[in-house]
Amino acid sequence: MLVEYLPPYSPFLNPIEEFFSSWRWKVYDRHPHTQKALLVAMHAACDDITAESCRGWIRHSRRYFPRCIARDDIRCDVDETM
């Protein structure tokens, strides 16, 4: 049996994190204050996210793959500058 350790978690390796962040802000910007308004805002926010945005998040994630394979520290770059 061979034990392989994974690199530290990075949201950059998971494009769904970028999607969810974008979607959440699109819902928030609609200011839903009732359950029905929230459901409408959630549905509309999905329509606002383009296929090109999704492709961009995937491209961004793929740029981190070589660093992940090399076992570099791939923590969030935003955290490093703050």
N, C-alpha and C. Protein backbone atom coordinates (compact mmCIF):
# COMPACT_ATOMS: atom_id res chain seq x y z
N MET A 1 0.84 -1.17 0.00
CA MET A 1 0.00 0.00 0.00
C MET A 1 0.90 1.24 0.00
N LEU A 2 0.55 2.22 -0.83
CA LEU A 2 1.30 3.46 -0.93
C LEU A 2 0.43 4.61 -0.46
N VAL A 3 0.93 5.37 0.49
CA VAL A 3 0.18 6.52 1.01
C VAL A 3 0.58 7.76 0.21
N GLU A 4 -0.41 8.45 -0.34
CA GLU A 4 -0.19 9.69 -1.08
C GLU A 4 -0.90 10.81 -0.34
N TYR A 5 -0.18 11.85 -0.02
CA TYR A 5 -0.78 12.98 0.67
C TYR A 5 -1.22 14.03 -0.35
N LEU A 6 -2.41 14.55 -0.14
CA LEU A 6 -2.94 15.58 -1.01
C LEU A 6 -2.39 16.94 -0.60
N PRO A 7 -2.31 17.87 -1.55
CA PRO A 7 -1.87 19.22 -1.19
C PRO A 7 -2.94 19.89 -0.34
N PRO A 8 -2.58 20.99 0.32
CA PRO A 8 -3.60 21.72 1.08
C PRO A 8 -4.75 22.11 0.17
N TYR A 9 -5.93 22.19 0.73
CA TYR A 9 -7.11 22.54 -0.05
C TYR A 9 -6.95 23.92 -0.66
N SER A 10 -7.35 24.06 -1.89
CA SER A 10 -7.37 25.35 -2.55
C SER A 10 -8.65 25.47 -3.36
N PRO A 11 -9.41 26.54 -3.15
CA PRO A 11 -10.62 26.71 -3.95
C PRO A 11 -10.31 26.88 -5.44
N PHE A 12 -9.06 27.22 -5.77
CA PHE A 12 -8.68 27.39 -7.17
C PHE A 12 -8.70 26.06 -7.92
N LEU A 13 -8.64 24.96 -7.21
CA LEU A 13 -8.66 23.65 -7.86
C LEU A 13 -10.08 23.15 -8.09
N ASN A 14 -11.06 23.90 -7.66
CA ASN A 14 -12.45 23.47 -7.73
C ASN A 14 -13.30 24.58 -8.37
N PRO A 15 -13.53 24.53 -9.67
CA PRO A 15 -14.26 25.61 -10.35
C PRO A 15 -15.66 25.85 -9.80
N ILE A 16 -16.27 24.86 -9.16
CA ILE A 16 -17.61 25.06 -8.61
C ILE A 16 -17.59 26.10 -7.50
N GLU A 17 -16.45 26.28 -6.85
CA GLU A 17 -16.34 27.33 -5.82
C GLU A 17 -16.51 28.70 -6.45
N GLU A 18 -15.91 28.92 -7.62
CA GLU A 18 -16.03 30.19 -8.32
C GLU A 18 -17.47 30.40 -8.79
N PHE A 19 -18.08 29.33 -9.32
CA PHE A 19 -19.48 29.42 -9.74
C PHE A 19 -20.37 29.81 -8.57
N PHE A 20 -20.21 29.10 -7.46
CA PHE A 20 -21.08 29.34 -6.32
C PHE A 20 -20.92 30.75 -5.78
N SER A 21 -19.69 31.24 -5.74
CA SER A 21 -19.46 32.61 -5.28
C SER A 21 -20.16 33.62 -6.18
N SER A 22 -20.01 33.45 -7.47
CA SER A 22 -20.65 34.36 -8.43
C SER A 22 -22.17 34.27 -8.31
N TRP A 23 -22.69 33.06 -8.26
CA TRP A 23 -24.13 32.85 -8.16
C TRP A 23 -24.70 33.46 -6.89
N ARG A 24 -23.99 33.26 -5.78
CA ARG A 24 -24.45 33.79 -4.49
C ARG A 24 -24.57 35.31 -4.52
N TRP A 25 -23.57 35.98 -5.12
CA TRP A 25 -23.63 37.45 -5.20
C TRP A 25 -24.73 37.91 -6.14
N LYS A 26 -24.99 37.18 -7.19
CA LYS A 26 -26.09 37.53 -8.11
C LYS A 26 -27.44 37.39 -7.41
N VAL A 27 -27.58 36.38 -6.56
CA VAL A 27 -28.80 36.24 -5.77
C VAL A 27 -28.90 37.39 -4.77
N TYR A 28 -27.83 37.66 -4.08
CA TYR A 28 -27.80 38.72 -3.06
C TYR A 28 -28.15 40.09 -3.66
N ASP A 29 -27.64 40.37 -4.86
CA ASP A 29 -27.90 41.66 -5.51
C ASP A 29 -29.37 41.88 -5.84
N ARG A 30 -30.15 40.82 -5.87
CA ARG A 30 -31.60 40.94 -6.15
C ARG A 30 -32.40 41.24 -4.89
N HIS A 31 -31.77 41.23 -3.74
CA HIS A 31 -32.39 41.56 -2.45
C HIS A 31 -33.68 40.78 -2.19
N PRO A 32 -33.63 39.47 -2.23
CA PRO A 32 -34.86 38.70 -1.96
C PRO A 32 -35.18 38.74 -0.46
N HIS A 33 -36.41 39.07 -0.13
CA HIS A 33 -36.80 39.17 1.28
C HIS A 33 -37.90 38.18 1.66
N THR A 34 -38.36 37.40 0.71
CA THR A 34 -39.34 36.36 1.00
C THR A 34 -38.84 35.05 0.38
N GLN A 35 -39.44 33.97 0.80
CA GLN A 35 -39.02 32.68 0.26
C GLN A 35 -39.26 32.62 -1.25
N LYS A 36 -40.41 33.12 -1.69
CA LYS A 36 -40.70 33.10 -3.12
C LYS A 36 -39.71 33.97 -3.89
N ALA A 37 -39.40 35.16 -3.37
CA ALA A 37 -38.43 36.04 -4.02
C ALA A 37 -37.05 35.40 -4.07
N LEU A 38 -36.71 34.67 -3.02
CA LEU A 38 -35.42 33.98 -2.99
C LEU A 38 -35.35 32.91 -4.07
N LEU A 39 -36.39 32.13 -4.20
CA LEU A 39 -36.40 31.09 -5.23
C LEU A 39 -36.33 31.69 -6.63
N VAL A 40 -37.04 32.78 -6.85
CA VAL A 40 -36.99 33.46 -8.15
C VAL A 40 -35.58 34.00 -8.39
N ALA A 41 -34.97 34.61 -7.37
CA ALA A 41 -33.62 35.16 -7.51
C ALA A 41 -32.60 34.06 -7.77
N MET A 42 -32.75 32.93 -7.12
CA MET A 42 -31.82 31.81 -7.32
C MET A 42 -31.90 31.30 -8.77
N HIS A 43 -33.11 31.19 -9.27
CA HIS A 43 -33.29 30.72 -10.65
C HIS A 43 -32.73 31.74 -11.64
N ALA A 44 -33.04 33.01 -11.43
CA ALA A 44 -32.57 34.06 -12.34
C ALA A 44 -31.04 34.16 -12.31
N ALA A 45 -30.45 33.99 -11.14
CA ALA A 45 -28.99 34.08 -11.03
C ALA A 45 -28.31 32.99 -11.85
N CYS A 46 -28.92 31.82 -11.94
CA CYS A 46 -28.37 30.74 -12.78
C CYS A 46 -28.35 31.16 -14.24
N ASP A 47 -29.40 31.85 -14.66
CA ASP A 47 -29.46 32.31 -16.06
C ASP A 47 -28.42 33.38 -16.36
N ASP A 48 -27.97 34.10 -15.34
CA ASP A 48 -27.00 35.18 -15.53
C ASP A 48 -25.58 34.68 -15.73
N ILE A 49 -25.30 33.46 -15.35
CA ILE A 49 -23.94 32.93 -15.44
C ILE A 49 -23.77 32.27 -16.81
N THR A 50 -22.79 32.74 -17.53
CA THR A 50 -22.59 32.30 -18.91
C THR A 50 -21.67 31.08 -18.99
N ALA A 51 -21.76 30.40 -20.12
CA ALA A 51 -20.87 29.27 -20.37
C ALA A 51 -19.42 29.76 -20.44
N GLU A 52 -19.22 30.96 -20.95
CA GLU A 52 -17.86 31.52 -21.03
C GLU A 52 -17.28 31.72 -19.63
N SER A 53 -18.10 32.16 -18.69
CA SER A 53 -17.63 32.29 -17.30
C SER A 53 -17.19 30.93 -16.77
N CYS A 54 -17.99 29.92 -17.02
CA CYS A 54 -17.65 28.57 -16.56
C CYS A 54 -16.35 28.08 -17.18
N ARG A 55 -16.19 28.32 -18.48
CA ARG A 55 -14.93 27.92 -19.15
C ARG A 55 -13.73 28.67 -18.53
N GLY A 56 -13.94 29.93 -18.21
CA GLY A 56 -12.86 30.72 -17.59
C GLY A 56 -12.47 30.16 -16.23
N TRP A 57 -13.44 29.76 -15.42
CA TRP A 57 -13.14 29.17 -14.11
C TRP A 57 -12.40 27.86 -14.27
N ILE A 58 -12.75 27.08 -15.26
CA ILE A 58 -12.05 25.82 -15.51
C ILE A 58 -10.63 26.08 -15.96
N ARG A 59 -10.44 27.04 -16.87
CA ARG A 59 -9.07 27.40 -17.31
C ARG A 59 -8.24 27.86 -16.12
N HIS A 60 -8.82 28.68 -15.27
CA HIS A 60 -8.11 29.18 -14.09
C HIS A 60 -7.70 28.02 -13.19
N SER A 61 -8.59 27.07 -12.99
CA SER A 61 -8.29 25.91 -12.16
C SER A 61 -7.15 25.08 -12.76
N ARG A 62 -7.20 24.88 -14.07
CA ARG A 62 -6.19 24.05 -14.72
C ARG A 62 -4.79 24.64 -14.61
N ARG A 63 -4.69 25.95 -14.48
CA ARG A 63 -3.36 26.57 -14.33
C ARG A 63 -2.69 26.15 -13.03
N TYR A 64 -3.47 25.71 -12.06
CA TYR A 64 -2.91 25.30 -10.78
C TYR A 64 -2.52 23.83 -10.74
N PHE A 65 -2.93 23.05 -11.72
CA PHE A 65 -2.63 21.61 -11.72
C PHE A 65 -1.13 21.31 -11.62
N PRO A 66 -0.27 21.95 -12.43
CA PRO A 66 1.16 21.63 -12.32
C PRO A 66 1.72 21.91 -10.92
N ARG A 67 1.26 23.01 -10.31
CA ARG A 67 1.73 23.32 -8.95
C ARG A 67 1.23 22.28 -7.96
N CYS A 68 0.02 21.79 -8.18
CA CYS A 68 -0.54 20.76 -7.31
C CYS A 68 0.25 19.47 -7.44
N ILE A 69 0.54 19.07 -8.66
CA ILE A 69 1.31 17.85 -8.91
C ILE A 69 2.71 17.96 -8.31
N ALA A 70 3.28 19.16 -8.36
CA ALA A 70 4.61 19.39 -7.79
C ALA A 70 4.57 19.54 -6.26
N ARG A 71 3.37 19.46 -5.71
CA ARG A 71 3.15 19.58 -4.25
C ARG A 71 3.56 20.95 -3.72
N ASP A 72 3.40 21.97 -4.56
CA ASP A 72 3.62 23.33 -4.09
C ASP A 72 2.50 23.74 -3.15
N ASP A 73 2.77 24.73 -2.33
CA ASP A 73 1.74 25.28 -1.46
C ASP A 73 0.82 26.12 -2.33
N ILE A 74 -0.41 25.72 -2.48
CA ILE A 74 -1.33 26.40 -3.40
C ILE A 74 -2.47 27.07 -2.64
N ARG A 75 -2.15 27.61 -1.48
CA ARG A 75 -3.18 28.34 -0.75
C ARG A 75 -3.66 29.52 -1.58
N CYS A 76 -4.77 30.04 -1.20
CA CYS A 76 -5.40 31.14 -1.94
C CYS A 76 -4.44 32.32 -2.04
N ASP A 77 -4.16 32.74 -3.28
CA ASP A 77 -3.25 33.88 -3.49
C ASP A 77 -3.78 35.15 -2.85
N VAL A 78 -5.08 35.29 -2.74
CA VAL A 78 -5.66 36.48 -2.11
C VAL A 78 -5.25 36.52 -0.65
N ASP A 79 -5.26 35.37 0.02
CA ASP A 79 -4.86 35.33 1.42
C ASP A 79 -3.41 35.72 1.62
N GLU A 80 -2.58 35.42 0.63
CA GLU A 80 -1.16 35.73 0.75
C GLU A 80 -0.90 37.22 0.68
N THR A 81 -1.75 37.97 -0.03
CA THR A 81 -1.50 39.41 -0.18
C THR A 81 -2.17 40.21 0.91
N MET A 82 -3.01 39.61 1.71
CA MET A 82 -3.71 40.35 2.76
C MET A 82 -2.93 40.34 4.06
